[in-house]
Amino acid sequence: MSMRKWLAFTGIPLAALVIWLLLRQRKGGGKMRSLLEGLGRERFLAVAILLLLGLFFRFGLTGHRFLAYTLWAIALLILWFFAMDLMKPAFPRLEKVLRTVTTYGLVLFLMVFATTEVVLLSSSKTAEDPEAEYLVVLGAGVNGTVPSWSLRDRLEVAYTYLVTYPDSVAILSGAQGPHEDITEAECMYRWLTAKGIEPRRLIKEEEAERTINNLENSFRIIEEREGDREVRIAVISSEYHLLRAKLLSQRLGVSVLPVAAPTGSFTLKINHYIRECFGLWYYLVFDR
């Protein structure tokens, strides 16, 4: 189930439960007034601000979906604790069980989340000596024919790398996705050649739709060109994504030199680190 569906399936029943419990406990004074009085001004403002901020990041800005979902999830958590407060007089045993399970579950989740983020941050650095014969540039979204913010960040670093190491050959990896008029590899090729990088130094890999396929196909191209000769391979990706890129490369039996592409937007960086936490755990648990 996607995060959006999960929020809808939990948020709507939870809101209905809170309203029912409030109306059950409070008589007279008008329904809306009773609801607002029961919810409390501070709690109401917090939930309203979180919901509005979530709407802004989800629909007002590009690429901030997980940040919006996080804000909405916090709003639902506030409502859930409020719902348990309302349950206590009528259902004390149920409220105690639910509160205990919720509290321990929340603490466990926050511990795992914080630890994962520390690991991601510690793995987000470029290798001390990243010079290599081949540079694999992992694709990201394309808006029509224009690179997304994440892809532009990677391209800026790829351009600097290719200028710094003029003997390196870059493999630009990425297929065509939804709402993309060209492949990600073609978008990268156009951008880098427009900046002056010689086309002979760029190889397009236009079939991969997932990171594992990006790496697998790129490594196959290198093997076809070099045979059994050992070569150094560097991989460029966004800083938050480097750990998974390294783990996937190890899974394919290849040791790579990480090259970090810092995310330019602070809010995008927060969004992508949140998303990568879930992406990393999905890989570790389900995608082995």
Protein backbone atom coordinates (compact mmCIF):
# COMPACT_ATOMS: atom_id res chain seq x y z
CA MET A 1 0.00 0.00 0.00
CA SER A 2 1.36 3.43 -0.94
CA MET A 3 1.93 6.09 1.70
CA ARG A 4 -0.89 8.20 0.24
CA LYS A 5 -3.42 5.34 0.47
CA TRP A 6 -2.23 4.46 3.97
CA LEU A 7 -2.80 8.02 5.14
CA ALA A 8 -6.25 8.09 3.58
CA PHE A 9 -7.32 4.74 5.03
CA THR A 10 -6.10 5.69 8.52
CA GLY A 11 -6.88 9.40 8.51
CA ILE A 12 -10.53 9.27 7.49
CA PRO A 13 -11.60 6.64 10.09
CA LEU A 14 -9.50 8.36 12.75
CA ALA A 15 -11.09 11.74 12.09
CA ALA A 16 -14.54 10.12 12.19
CA LEU A 17 -13.67 8.42 15.50
CA VAL A 18 -12.51 11.67 17.08
CA ILE A 19 -15.67 13.49 15.97
CA TRP A 20 -17.91 10.69 17.27
CA LEU A 21 -16.16 10.58 20.65
CA LEU A 22 -16.35 14.36 21.03
CA LEU A 23 -20.04 14.52 20.17
CA ARG A 24 -20.70 11.58 22.49
CA GLN A 25 -19.14 13.39 25.43
CA ARG A 26 -20.27 16.96 24.80
CA LYS A 27 -23.90 17.98 24.65
CA GLY A 28 -25.28 21.33 23.50
CA GLY A 29 -23.47 24.48 22.47
CA GLY A 30 -23.56 23.59 18.80
CA LYS A 31 -21.70 20.70 17.24
CA MET A 32 -18.85 22.70 15.72
CA ARG A 33 -18.32 24.72 18.88
CA SER A 34 -18.30 21.53 20.94
CA LEU A 35 -15.77 19.97 18.60
CA LEU A 36 -13.42 22.96 18.79
CA GLU A 37 -13.72 23.24 22.55
CA GLY A 38 -13.05 19.54 23.00
CA LEU A 39 -10.09 19.47 20.65
CA GLY A 40 -8.46 22.50 22.26
CA ARG A 41 -7.12 25.60 20.55
CA GLU A 42 -3.45 24.61 20.61
CA ARG A 43 -4.09 21.10 19.37
CA PHE A 44 -6.46 22.36 16.68
CA LEU A 45 -3.92 24.92 15.44
CA ALA A 46 -1.13 22.33 15.38
CA VAL A 47 -3.20 19.88 13.34
CA ALA A 48 -4.43 22.63 10.97
CA ILE A 49 -0.91 23.99 10.38
CA LEU A 50 0.49 20.52 9.74
CA LEU A 51 -2.29 19.69 7.28
CA LEU A 52 -1.87 22.99 5.42
CA LEU A 53 1.91 22.69 5.29
CA GLY A 54 1.48 19.17 3.96
CA LEU A 55 -0.82 20.44 1.21
CA PHE A 56 1.71 23.13 0.32
CA PHE A 57 4.64 20.72 0.05
CA ARG A 58 2.59 18.07 -1.76
CA PHE A 59 0.91 20.25 -4.37
CA GLY A 60 2.73 23.60 -4.26
CA LEU A 61 6.30 22.33 -4.70
CA THR A 62 7.77 19.65 -6.90
CA GLY A 63 9.41 16.60 -5.35
CA HIS A 64 8.34 17.11 -1.71
CA ARG A 65 5.88 14.24 -1.44
CA PHE A 66 7.47 12.42 1.51
CA LEU A 67 7.89 15.62 3.50
CA ALA A 68 4.16 16.26 3.02
CA TYR A 69 3.30 12.71 4.08
CA THR A 70 5.44 13.11 7.20
CA LEU A 71 3.61 16.28 8.22
CA TRP A 72 0.25 14.60 7.67
CA ALA A 73 1.37 11.56 9.66
CA ILE A 74 2.32 13.80 12.61
CA ALA A 75 -1.13 15.45 12.42
CA LEU A 76 -2.76 12.01 12.51
CA LEU A 77 -0.60 11.04 15.47
CA ILE A 78 -1.79 14.10 17.40
CA LEU A 79 -5.40 13.18 16.63
CA TRP A 80 -4.76 9.57 17.67
CA PHE A 81 -3.43 10.57 21.09
CA PHE A 82 -6.41 12.89 21.46
CA ALA A 83 -8.76 10.04 20.54
CA MET A 84 -7.19 7.92 23.28
CA ASP A 85 -7.74 10.75 25.78
CA LEU A 86 -11.42 10.69 24.83
CA MET A 87 -11.60 6.90 25.17
CA LYS A 88 -10.22 6.85 28.69
CA PRO A 89 -13.42 7.60 30.68
CA ALA A 90 -15.57 5.09 28.81
CA PHE A 91 -12.98 2.45 27.84
CA PRO A 92 -10.11 2.69 30.35
CA ARG A 93 -8.62 -0.77 29.69
CA LEU A 94 -8.71 -0.37 25.92
CA GLU A 95 -7.18 3.09 26.20
CA LYS A 96 -4.35 1.79 28.37
CA VAL A 97 -3.50 -1.01 25.93
CA LEU A 98 -3.65 1.29 22.90
CA ARG A 99 -1.54 3.97 24.57
CA THR A 100 1.11 1.44 25.64
CA VAL A 101 1.31 -0.13 22.18
CA THR A 102 1.39 3.27 20.50
CA THR A 103 4.06 4.69 22.79
CA TYR A 104 6.41 1.71 22.54
CA GLY A 105 5.85 1.47 18.79
CA LEU A 106 6.56 5.16 18.33
CA VAL A 107 9.74 5.01 20.41
CA LEU A 108 10.97 1.97 18.47
CA PHE A 109 10.20 3.62 15.13
CA LEU A 110 12.00 6.83 16.10
CA MET A 111 15.06 4.90 17.28
CA VAL A 112 15.27 2.94 14.03
CA PHE A 113 14.60 6.04 11.94
CA ALA A 114 17.24 8.14 13.73
CA THR A 115 19.85 5.38 13.53
CA THR A 116 19.18 4.88 9.84
CA GLU A 117 19.50 8.58 9.14
CA VAL A 118 22.86 8.70 10.97
CA VAL A 119 24.10 5.81 8.82
CA LEU A 120 22.86 7.52 5.65
CA LEU A 121 24.58 10.78 6.59
CA SER A 122 27.85 9.03 7.42
CA SER A 123 27.78 7.31 4.00
CA SER A 124 27.06 10.46 2.00
CA LYS A 125 30.65 11.50 1.28
CA THR A 126 32.80 11.30 -1.82
CA ALA A 127 35.76 8.92 -1.76
CA GLU A 128 39.11 10.50 -0.92
CA ASP A 129 40.54 9.57 -4.35
CA PRO A 130 37.57 9.20 -6.71
CA GLU A 131 39.53 9.18 -9.99
CA ALA A 132 38.45 6.26 -12.16
CA GLU A 133 38.44 5.10 -15.77
CA TYR A 134 34.65 4.92 -15.76
CA LEU A 135 32.04 7.11 -14.13
CA VAL A 136 28.50 5.79 -13.78
CA VAL A 137 25.95 8.59 -13.44
CA LEU A 138 22.68 7.31 -12.00
CA GLY A 139 19.60 8.89 -13.52
CA ALA A 140 16.83 10.81 -11.80
CA GLY A 141 13.59 12.41 -12.93
CA VAL A 142 13.18 14.42 -16.11
CA ASN A 143 10.45 17.04 -16.47
CA GLY A 144 9.61 16.70 -20.14
CA THR A 145 13.11 17.19 -21.55
CA VAL A 146 14.50 19.23 -18.63
CA PRO A 147 16.45 17.60 -15.79
CA SER A 148 14.77 17.63 -12.39
CA TRP A 149 16.49 19.33 -9.47
CA SER A 150 17.99 16.02 -8.33
CA LEU A 151 19.25 15.16 -11.79
CA ARG A 152 20.70 18.65 -12.25
CA ASP A 153 22.59 18.28 -8.96
CA ARG A 154 24.10 15.03 -10.24
CA LEU A 155 24.94 16.55 -13.61
CA GLU A 156 26.75 19.50 -12.05
CA VAL A 157 28.99 17.09 -10.15
CA ALA A 158 29.42 14.85 -13.22
CA TYR A 159 30.53 17.85 -15.29
CA THR A 160 33.09 18.91 -12.66
CA TYR A 161 34.33 15.32 -12.41
CA LEU A 162 34.78 14.93 -16.17
CA VAL A 163 36.63 18.23 -16.38
CA THR A 164 38.86 17.28 -13.44
CA TYR A 165 39.60 13.81 -14.84
CA PRO A 166 39.76 14.21 -18.64
CA ASP A 167 40.53 10.51 -19.26
CA SER A 168 37.35 9.26 -17.61
CA VAL A 169 34.42 7.94 -19.63
CA ALA A 170 30.90 8.45 -18.27
CA ILE A 171 28.06 5.99 -18.56
CA LEU A 172 24.76 7.85 -18.34
CA SER A 173 22.13 5.45 -17.06
CA GLY A 174 18.36 5.88 -17.02
CA ALA A 175 15.31 4.87 -19.06
CA GLN A 176 12.25 6.96 -19.94
CA GLY A 177 9.69 7.18 -17.17
CA PRO A 178 6.19 8.64 -16.81
CA HIS A 179 5.90 12.31 -17.78
CA GLU A 180 9.33 12.15 -19.42
CA ASP A 181 9.58 12.97 -23.13
CA ILE A 182 13.09 11.51 -23.46
CA THR A 183 15.17 9.00 -21.53
CA GLU A 184 17.10 10.18 -18.51
CA ALA A 185 20.29 9.09 -20.27
CA GLU A 186 19.46 11.25 -23.29
CA CYS A 187 18.68 14.21 -21.05
CA MET A 188 22.06 13.84 -19.33
CA TYR A 189 23.82 13.46 -22.68
CA ARG A 190 22.27 16.67 -24.04
CA TRP A 191 23.07 18.61 -20.87
CA LEU A 192 26.71 17.53 -20.68
CA THR A 193 27.44 17.99 -24.39
CA ALA A 194 25.87 21.46 -24.23
CA LYS A 195 28.37 22.24 -21.46
CA GLY A 196 31.26 21.18 -23.70
CA ILE A 197 31.89 17.54 -22.73
CA GLU A 198 32.97 15.56 -25.81
CA PRO A 199 30.32 13.07 -26.99
CA ARG A 200 32.96 10.33 -27.36
CA ARG A 201 33.37 10.36 -23.56
CA LEU A 202 29.67 9.69 -22.96
CA ILE A 203 27.88 6.35 -23.23
CA LYS A 204 24.10 6.17 -22.93
CA GLU A 205 22.41 3.29 -21.11
CA GLU A 206 18.69 3.78 -21.76
CA GLU A 207 17.00 0.60 -20.50
CA ALA A 208 17.34 0.67 -16.71
CA GLU A 209 14.30 1.68 -14.65
CA ARG A 210 15.64 0.83 -11.17
CA THR A 211 18.94 1.50 -9.44
CA ILE A 212 19.93 -2.17 -9.49
CA ASN A 213 19.38 -2.23 -13.27
CA ASN A 214 21.27 1.07 -13.70
CA LEU A 215 24.31 -0.47 -12.09
CA GLU A 216 23.98 -3.93 -13.61
CA ASN A 217 23.63 -2.61 -17.16
CA SER A 218 26.43 -0.10 -16.70
CA PHE A 219 28.80 -2.73 -15.32
CA ARG A 220 27.94 -4.99 -18.27
CA ILE A 221 28.86 -2.20 -20.70
CA ILE A 222 32.20 -1.75 -18.95
CA GLU A 223 32.85 -5.50 -19.03
CA GLU A 224 32.07 -5.63 -22.75
CA ARG A 225 34.55 -2.81 -23.38
CA GLU A 226 37.33 -3.95 -21.05
CA GLY A 227 36.97 -7.72 -20.84
CA ASP A 228 38.72 -9.14 -17.79
CA ARG A 229 40.91 -6.09 -17.23
CA GLU A 230 40.36 -4.56 -13.81
CA VAL A 231 39.31 -0.92 -13.92
CA ARG A 232 38.33 1.64 -11.34
CA ILE A 233 34.65 2.61 -11.40
CA ALA A 234 33.13 5.66 -9.76
CA VAL A 235 29.41 6.14 -9.22
CA ILE A 236 27.67 9.51 -8.95
CA SER A 237 24.40 9.77 -7.11
CA SER A 238 22.71 12.13 -4.70
CA GLU A 239 24.35 12.08 -1.29
CA TYR A 240 21.34 10.46 0.42
CA HIS A 241 21.34 7.64 -2.16
CA LEU A 242 25.03 6.72 -2.05
CA LEU A 243 24.73 4.01 0.62
CA ARG A 244 22.15 2.05 -1.35
CA ALA A 245 24.19 2.49 -4.54
CA LYS A 246 27.24 1.04 -2.78
CA LEU A 247 25.27 -1.87 -1.30
CA LEU A 248 23.75 -2.71 -4.67
CA SER A 249 27.16 -2.57 -6.34
CA GLN A 250 28.55 -4.96 -3.73
CA ARG A 251 25.60 -7.25 -4.37
CA LEU A 252 26.66 -7.31 -8.04
CA GLY A 253 30.23 -8.09 -7.04
CA VAL A 254 31.70 -4.69 -7.96
CA SER A 255 33.56 -2.29 -5.68
CA VAL A 256 32.87 1.32 -6.60
CA LEU A 257 34.14 4.74 -5.61
CA PRO A 258 31.25 6.90 -4.36
CA VAL A 259 30.91 10.46 -5.62
CA ALA A 260 28.30 12.55 -3.80
CA ALA A 261 26.03 15.03 -5.54
CA PRO A 262 24.80 17.39 -2.78
CA THR A 263 21.12 18.29 -2.93
CA GLY A 264 20.85 22.04 -3.49
CA SER A 265 17.45 22.60 -1.87
CA PHE A 266 17.26 22.19 1.93
CA THR A 267 13.61 21.11 1.93
CA LEU A 268 14.26 18.65 -0.90
CA LYS A 269 17.18 17.22 1.06
CA ILE A 270 14.89 16.62 4.06
CA ASN A 271 12.29 14.99 1.80
CA HIS A 272 14.82 12.73 0.10
CA TYR A 273 16.48 11.61 3.33
CA ILE A 274 13.04 10.66 4.71
CA ARG A 275 12.24 8.75 1.53
CA GLU A 276 15.64 7.05 1.45
CA CYS A 277 15.17 5.73 4.98
CA PHE A 278 12.12 3.78 3.83
CA GLY A 279 13.81 2.87 0.53
CA LEU A 280 16.84 1.45 2.31
CA TRP A 281 14.75 -0.68 4.66
CA TYR A 282 12.61 -1.91 1.76
CA TYR A 283 15.80 -3.00 0.03
CA LEU A 284 17.18 -4.69 3.15
CA VAL A 285 13.95 -6.56 3.98
CA PHE A 286 12.18 -7.24 0.68
CA ASP A 287 14.56 -6.64 -2.22
CA ARG A 288 17.35 -9.09 -1.48
